[in-house]
Amino acid sequence: MKNEIIFIVEDSLEGGYEARAAGYSIYTQAETLEELKENMREAVAVHFEPDEKPRLIRMHYIKEEIIAA
């Protein structure tokens, strides 16, 4: 059993958020961060067998911003 799984979270171009699991083919999206957290929990539960499911989900939020020089 893995202790944790890491999701890379970014702003979606369509609005809301997108999350991809590092090292796994798990992807989810949502309009709010709270909804995204619930979607990540559900995606992890579906992807792993109960005895293989990570105990923790770590969110690594990447925010890209463009500013004038």
PDB file of N, CA and C in Angstrom:
ATOM      1  N   MET A   1       0.849  -1.185   0.000  1.00  0.00           N
ATOM      2  CA  MET A   1       0.000   0.000   0.000  1.00  0.00           C
ATOM      3  C   MET A   1       0.889   1.241   0.000  1.00  0.00           C
ATOM      4  N   LYS A   2       0.558   2.156  -0.879  1.00  0.00           N
ATOM      5  CA  LYS A   2       1.255   3.438  -0.912  1.00  0.00           C
ATOM      6  C   LYS A   2       0.709   4.315   0.196  1.00  0.00           C
ATOM      7  N   ASN A   3       1.574   5.127   0.762  1.00  0.00           N
ATOM      8  CA  ASN A   3       1.163   6.009   1.846  1.00  0.00           C
ATOM      9  C   ASN A   3       0.405   7.228   1.337  1.00  0.00           C
ATOM     10  N   GLU A   4       0.805   7.741   0.142  1.00  0.00           N
ATOM     11  CA  GLU A   4       0.134   8.921  -0.393  1.00  0.00           C
ATOM     12  C   GLU A   4       0.181   8.924  -1.908  1.00  0.00           C
ATOM     13  N   ILE A   5      -0.697   9.719  -2.489  1.00  0.00           N
ATOM     14  CA  ILE A   5      -0.713   9.944  -3.926  1.00  0.00           C
ATOM     15  C   ILE A   5      -0.689  11.459  -4.130  1.00  0.00           C
ATOM     16  N   ILE A   6       0.012  11.898  -5.156  1.00  0.00           N
ATOM     17  CA  ILE A   6       0.154  13.328  -5.415  1.00  0.00           C
ATOM     18  C   ILE A   6      -0.624  13.693  -6.676  1.00  0.00           C
ATOM     19  N   PHE A   7      -1.465  14.719  -6.555  1.00  0.00           N
ATOM     20  CA  PHE A   7      -2.188  15.265  -7.698  1.00  0.00           C
ATOM     21  C   PHE A   7      -1.612  16.630  -8.036  1.00  0.00           C
ATOM     22  N   ILE A   8      -1.345  16.838  -9.317  1.00  0.00           N
ATOM     23  CA  ILE A   8      -0.934  18.140  -9.829  1.00  0.00           C
ATOM     24  C   ILE A   8      -2.221  18.874 -10.207  1.00  0.00           C
ATOM     25  N   VAL A   9      -2.483  20.000  -9.570  1.00  0.00           N
ATOM     26  CA  VAL A   9      -3.718  20.754  -9.767  1.00  0.00           C
ATOM     27  C   VAL A   9      -3.389  22.061 -10.483  1.00  0.00           C
ATOM     28  N   GLU A  10      -4.167  22.356 -11.517  1.00  0.00           N
ATOM     29  CA  GLU A  10      -3.990  23.593 -12.275  1.00  0.00           C
ATOM     30  C   GLU A  10      -5.350  24.211 -12.562  1.00  0.00           C
ATOM     31  N   ASP A  11      -5.345  25.506 -12.839  1.00  0.00           N
ATOM     32  CA  ASP A  11      -6.564  26.161 -13.295  1.00  0.00           C
ATOM     33  C   ASP A  11      -6.918  25.606 -14.668  1.00  0.00           C
ATOM     34  N   SER A  12      -8.189  25.354 -14.899  1.00  0.00           N
ATOM     35  CA  SER A  12      -8.659  24.877 -16.198  1.00  0.00           C
ATOM     36  C   SER A  12      -8.870  26.069 -17.133  1.00  0.00           C
ATOM     37  N   LEU A  13      -8.588  25.886 -18.398  1.00  0.00           N
ATOM     38  CA  LEU A  13      -8.809  26.952 -19.378  1.00  0.00           C
ATOM     39  C   LEU A  13     -10.293  27.293 -19.491  1.00  0.00           C
ATOM     40  N   GLU A  14     -11.157  26.314 -19.215  1.00  0.00           N
ATOM     41  CA  GLU A  14     -12.601  26.531 -19.290  1.00  0.00           C
ATOM     42  C   GLU A  14     -13.172  27.073 -17.976  1.00  0.00           C
ATOM     43  N   GLY A  15     -12.341  27.297 -16.987  1.00  0.00           N
ATOM     44  CA  GLY A  15     -12.785  27.704 -15.658  1.00  0.00           C
ATOM     45  C   GLY A  15     -12.750  26.509 -14.729  1.00  0.00           C
ATOM     46  N   GLY A  16     -12.628  26.740 -13.462  1.00  0.00           N
ATOM     47  CA  GLY A  16     -12.530  25.656 -12.502  1.00  0.00           C
ATOM     48  C   GLY A  16     -11.108  25.117 -12.411  1.00  0.00           C
ATOM     49  N   TYR A  17     -10.994  23.822 -12.101  1.00  0.00           N
ATOM     50  CA  TYR A  17      -9.694  23.215 -11.834  1.00  0.00           C
ATOM     51  C   TYR A  17      -9.591  21.846 -12.486  1.00  0.00           C
ATOM     52  N   GLU A  18      -8.357  21.444 -12.784  1.00  0.00           N
ATOM     53  CA  GLU A  18      -8.039  20.114 -13.303  1.00  0.00           C
ATOM     54  C   GLU A  18      -6.996  19.492 -12.403  1.00  0.00           C
ATOM     55  N   ALA A  19      -7.082  18.172 -12.218  1.00  0.00           N
ATOM     56  CA  ALA A  19      -6.109  17.472 -11.375  1.00  0.00           C
ATOM     57  C   ALA A  19      -5.692  16.172 -12.045  1.00  0.00           C
ATOM     58  N   ARG A  20      -4.373  15.939 -12.089  1.00  0.00           N
ATOM     59  CA  ARG A  20      -3.809  14.702 -12.640  1.00  0.00           C
ATOM     60  C   ARG A  20      -2.914  14.067 -11.583  1.00  0.00           C
ATOM     61  N   ALA A  21      -3.068  12.770 -11.405  1.00  0.00           N
ATOM     62  CA  ALA A  21      -2.243  12.058 -10.429  1.00  0.00           C
ATOM     63  C   ALA A  21      -0.863  11.801 -11.016  1.00  0.00           C
ATOM     64  N   ALA A  22       0.167  12.102 -10.271  1.00  0.00           N
ATOM     65  CA  ALA A  22       1.544  11.858 -10.703  1.00  0.00           C
ATOM     66  C   ALA A  22       1.814  10.355 -10.648  1.00  0.00           C
ATOM     67  N   GLY A  23       2.171   9.775 -11.802  1.00  0.00           N
ATOM     68  CA  GLY A  23       2.512   8.365 -11.859  1.00  0.00           C
ATOM     69  C   GLY A  23       1.340   7.427 -12.064  1.00  0.00           C
ATOM     70  N   TYR A  24       0.135   7.951 -12.185  1.00  0.00           N
ATOM     71  CA  TYR A  24      -1.065   7.128 -12.393  1.00  0.00           C
ATOM     72  C   TYR A  24      -1.934   7.781 -13.457  1.00  0.00           C
ATOM     73  N   SER A  25      -2.729   6.991 -14.136  1.00  0.00           N
ATOM     74  CA  SER A  25      -3.632   7.547 -15.143  1.00  0.00           C
ATOM     75  C   SER A  25      -4.969   7.905 -14.500  1.00  0.00           C
ATOM     76  N   ILE A  26      -4.908   8.891 -13.592  1.00  0.00           N
ATOM     77  CA  ILE A  26      -6.105   9.390 -12.909  1.00  0.00           C
ATOM     78  C   ILE A  26      -6.219  10.876 -13.200  1.00  0.00           C
ATOM     79  N   TYR A  27      -7.394  11.275 -13.679  1.00  0.00           N
ATOM     80  CA  TYR A  27      -7.658  12.675 -14.021  1.00  0.00           C
ATOM     81  C   TYR A  27      -9.060  13.024 -13.528  1.00  0.00           C
ATOM     82  N   THR A  28      -9.219  14.226 -13.006  1.00  0.00           N
ATOM     83  CA  THR A  28     -10.533  14.716 -12.631  1.00  0.00           C
ATOM     84  C   THR A  28     -10.555  16.230 -12.733  1.00  0.00           C
ATOM     85  N   GLN A  29     -11.744  16.789 -12.705  1.00  0.00           N
ATOM     86  CA  GLN A  29     -11.899  18.245 -12.787  1.00  0.00           C
ATOM     87  C   GLN A  29     -13.117  18.652 -11.986  1.00  0.00           C
ATOM     88  N   ALA A  30     -13.191  19.962 -11.669  1.00  0.00           N
ATOM     89  CA  ALA A  30     -14.319  20.485 -10.897  1.00  0.00           C
ATOM     90  C   ALA A  30     -14.345  22.001 -10.999  1.00  0.00           C
ATOM     91  N   GLU A  31     -15.476  22.572 -10.615  1.00  0.00           N
ATOM     92  CA  GLU A  31     -15.648  24.021 -10.624  1.00  0.00           C
ATOM     93  C   GLU A  31     -15.019  24.687  -9.398  1.00  0.00           C
ATOM     94  N   THR A  32     -15.018  24.016  -8.250  1.00  0.00           N
ATOM     95  CA  THR A  32     -14.474  24.585  -7.010  1.00  0.00           C
ATOM     96  C   THR A  32     -13.418  23.645  -6.437  1.00  0.00           C
ATOM     97  N   LEU A  33     -12.579  24.183  -5.558  1.00  0.00           N
ATOM     98  CA  LEU A  33     -11.563  23.340  -4.918  1.00  0.00           C
ATOM     99  C   LEU A  33     -12.188  22.282  -4.017  1.00  0.00           C
ATOM    100  N   GLU A  34     -13.269  22.622  -3.335  1.00  0.00           N
ATOM    101  CA  GLU A  34     -13.935  21.634  -2.471  1.00  0.00           C
ATOM    102  C   GLU A  34     -14.489  20.481  -3.290  1.00  0.00           C
ATOM    103  N   GLU A  35     -15.106  20.801  -4.418  1.00  0.00           N
ATOM    104  CA  GLU A  35     -15.628  19.768  -5.311  1.00  0.00           C
ATOM    105  C   GLU A  35     -14.480  18.938  -5.883  1.00  0.00           C
ATOM    106  N   LEU A  36     -13.363  19.585  -6.202  1.00  0.00           N
ATOM    107  CA  LEU A  36     -12.204  18.873  -6.735  1.00  0.00           C
ATOM    108  C   LEU A  36     -11.660  17.881  -5.711  1.00  0.00           C
ATOM    109  N   LYS A  37     -11.599  18.282  -4.462  1.00  0.00           N
ATOM    110  CA  LYS A  37     -11.115  17.374  -3.405  1.00  0.00           C
ATOM    111  C   LYS A  37     -11.995  16.131  -3.326  1.00  0.00           C
ATOM    112  N   GLU A  38     -13.295  16.315  -3.387  1.00  0.00           N
ATOM    113  CA  GLU A  38     -14.213  15.169  -3.347  1.00  0.00           C
ATOM    114  C   GLU A  38     -14.046  14.295  -4.587  1.00  0.00           C
ATOM    115  N   ASN A  39     -13.887  14.924  -5.746  1.00  0.00           N
ATOM    116  CA  ASN A  39     -13.678  14.164  -6.984  1.00  0.00           C
ATOM    117  C   ASN A  39     -12.375  13.373  -6.941  1.00  0.00           C
ATOM    118  N   MET A  40     -11.330  13.935  -6.351  1.00  0.00           N
ATOM    119  CA  MET A  40     -10.065  13.211  -6.219  1.00  0.00           C
ATOM    120  C   MET A  40     -10.233  11.999  -5.307  1.00  0.00           C
ATOM    121  N   ARG A  41     -10.947  12.170  -4.196  1.00  0.00           N
ATOM    122  CA  ARG A  41     -11.204  11.033  -3.302  1.00  0.00           C
ATOM    123  C   ARG A  41     -11.929   9.917  -4.038  1.00  0.00           C
ATOM    124  N   GLU A  42     -12.963  10.278  -4.803  1.00  0.00           N
ATOM    125  CA  GLU A  42     -13.733   9.291  -5.550  1.00  0.00           C
ATOM    126  C   GLU A  42     -12.876   8.615  -6.618  1.00  0.00           C
ATOM    127  N   ALA A  43     -12.062   9.390  -7.332  1.00  0.00           N
ATOM    128  CA  ALA A  43     -11.208   8.828  -8.380  1.00  0.00           C
ATOM    129  C   ALA A  43     -10.194   7.841  -7.801  1.00  0.00           C
ATOM    130  N   VAL A  44      -9.623   8.169  -6.657  1.00  0.00           N
ATOM    131  CA  VAL A  44      -8.660   7.275  -5.999  1.00  0.00           C
ATOM    132  C   VAL A  44      -9.365   6.000  -5.544  1.00  0.00           C
ATOM    133  N   ALA A  45     -10.556   6.133  -4.984  1.00  0.00           N
ATOM    134  CA  ALA A  45     -11.304   4.966  -4.509  1.00  0.00           C
ATOM    135  C   ALA A  45     -11.648   4.011  -5.655  1.00  0.00           C
ATOM    136  N   VAL A  46     -11.953   4.566  -6.831  1.00  0.00           N
ATOM    137  CA  VAL A  46     -12.291   3.738  -7.986  1.00  0.00           C
ATOM    138  C   VAL A  46     -11.043   3.094  -8.590  1.00  0.00           C
ATOM    139  N   HIS A  47      -9.937   3.805  -8.590  1.00  0.00           N
ATOM    140  CA  HIS A  47      -8.712   3.342  -9.246  1.00  0.00           C
ATOM    141  C   HIS A  47      -8.016   2.208  -8.484  1.00  0.00           C
ATOM    142  N   PHE A  48      -8.035   2.252  -7.159  1.00  0.00           N
ATOM    143  CA  PHE A  48      -7.300   1.295  -6.344  1.00  0.00           C
ATOM    144  C   PHE A  48      -8.234   0.292  -5.662  1.00  0.00           C
ATOM    145  N   GLU A  49      -7.704  -0.894  -5.438  1.00  0.00           N
ATOM    146  CA  GLU A  49      -8.389  -1.863  -4.578  1.00  0.00           C
ATOM    147  C   GLU A  49      -8.356  -1.309  -3.156  1.00  0.00           C
ATOM    148  N   PRO A  50      -9.339  -1.639  -2.318  1.00  0.00           N
ATOM    149  CA  PRO A  50      -9.389  -1.072  -0.966  1.00  0.00           C
ATOM    150  C   PRO A  50      -8.099  -1.262  -0.157  1.00  0.00           C
ATOM    151  N   ASP A  51      -7.450  -2.411  -0.271  1.00  0.00           N
ATOM    152  CA  ASP A  51      -6.225  -2.650   0.506  1.00  0.00           C
ATOM    153  C   ASP A  51      -4.984  -2.025  -0.133  1.00  0.00           C
ATOM    154  N   GLU A  52      -5.115  -1.455  -1.331  1.00  0.00           N
ATOM    155  CA  GLU A  52      -3.995  -0.815  -2.024  1.00  0.00           C
ATOM    156  C   GLU A  52      -4.131   0.707  -2.067  1.00  0.00           C
ATOM    157  N   LYS A  53      -5.267   1.216  -1.631  1.00  0.00           N
ATOM    158  CA  LYS A  53      -5.558   2.650  -1.731  1.00  0.00           C
ATOM    159  C   LYS A  53      -4.639   3.474  -0.823  1.00  0.00           C
ATOM    160  N   PRO A  54      -4.044   4.551  -1.366  1.00  0.00           N
ATOM    161  CA  PRO A  54      -3.216   5.430  -0.531  1.00  0.00           C
ATOM    162  C   PRO A  54      -4.045   6.034   0.604  1.00  0.00           C
ATOM    163  N   ARG A  55      -3.381   6.285   1.717  1.00  0.00           N
ATOM    164  CA  ARG A  55      -4.068   6.874   2.876  1.00  0.00           C
ATOM    165  C   ARG A  55      -4.223   8.380   2.751  1.00  0.00           C
ATOM    166  N   LEU A  56      -3.313   9.034   2.021  1.00  0.00           N
ATOM    167  CA  LEU A  56      -3.322  10.487   1.899  1.00  0.00           C
ATOM    168  C   LEU A  56      -3.321  10.918   0.444  1.00  0.00           C
ATOM    169  N   ILE A  57      -3.990  12.036   0.175  1.00  0.00           N
ATOM    170  CA  ILE A  57      -3.938  12.675  -1.137  1.00  0.00           C
ATOM    171  C   ILE A  57      -3.267  14.035  -0.939  1.00  0.00           C
ATOM    172  N   ARG A  58      -2.188  14.236  -1.662  1.00  0.00           N
ATOM    173  CA  ARG A  58      -1.465  15.519  -1.599  1.00  0.00           C
ATOM    174  C   ARG A  58      -1.782  16.305  -2.872  1.00  0.00           C
ATOM    175  N   MET A  59      -2.193  17.564  -2.701  1.00  0.00           N
ATOM    176  CA  MET A  59      -2.480  18.443  -3.828  1.00  0.00           C
ATOM    177  C   MET A  59      -1.302  19.389  -4.034  1.00  0.00           C
ATOM    178  N   HIS A  60      -0.745  19.362  -5.219  1.00  0.00           N
ATOM    179  CA  HIS A  60       0.324  20.288  -5.578  1.00  0.00           C
ATOM    180  C   HIS A  60      -0.279  21.259  -6.590  1.00  0.00           C
ATOM    181  N   TYR A  61      -0.658  22.459  -6.128  1.00  0.00           N
ATOM    182  CA  TYR A  61      -1.372  23.435  -6.957  1.00  0.00           C
ATOM    183  C   TYR A  61      -0.379  24.330  -7.681  1.00  0.00           C
ATOM    184  N   ILE A  62      -0.461  24.303  -9.007  1.00  0.00           N
ATOM    185  CA  ILE A  62       0.403  25.126  -9.847  1.00  0.00           C
ATOM    186  C   ILE A  62      -0.449  26.240 -10.442  1.00  0.00           C
ATOM    187  N   LYS A  63      -0.052  27.458 -10.170  1.00  0.00           N
ATOM    188  CA  LYS A  63      -0.790  28.605 -10.709  1.00  0.00           C
ATOM    189  C   LYS A  63       0.151  29.390 -11.602  1.00  0.00           C
ATOM    190  N   GLU A  64      -0.217  29.456 -12.853  1.00  0.00           N
ATOM    191  CA  GLU A  64       0.586  30.200 -13.816  1.00  0.00           C
ATOM    192  C   GLU A  64      -0.029  31.576 -14.005  1.00  0.00           C
ATOM    193  N   GLU A  65       0.811  32.586 -13.929  1.00  0.00           N
ATOM    194  CA  GLU A  65       0.335  33.956 -14.090  1.00  0.00           C
ATOM    195  C   GLU A  65       1.305  34.692 -15.004  1.00  0.00           C
ATOM    196  N   ILE A  66       0.757  35.448 -15.924  1.00  0.00           N
ATOM    197  CA  ILE A  66       1.576  36.226 -16.854  1.00  0.00           C
ATOM    198  C   ILE A  66       1.459  37.693 -16.443  1.00  0.00           C
ATOM    199  N   ILE A  67       2.617  38.337 -16.314  1.00  0.00           N
ATOM    200  CA  ILE A  67       2.633  39.763 -15.952  1.00  0.00           C
ATOM    201  C   ILE A  67       3.478  40.527 -16.966  1.00  0.00           C
ATOM    202  N   ALA A  68       3.194  41.778 -17.123  1.00  0.00           N
ATOM    203  CA  ALA A  68       3.960  42.631 -18.041  1.00  0.00           C
ATOM    204  C   ALA A  68       5.348  42.881 -17.446  1.00  0.00           C
ATOM    205  N   ALA A  69       6.353  42.905 -18.315  1.00  0.00           N
ATOM    206  CA  ALA A  69       7.736  43.098 -17.860  1.00  0.00           C
ATOM    207  C   ALA A  69       8.058  44.561 -17.656  1.00  0.00           C
TER     208      ALA A  69
END
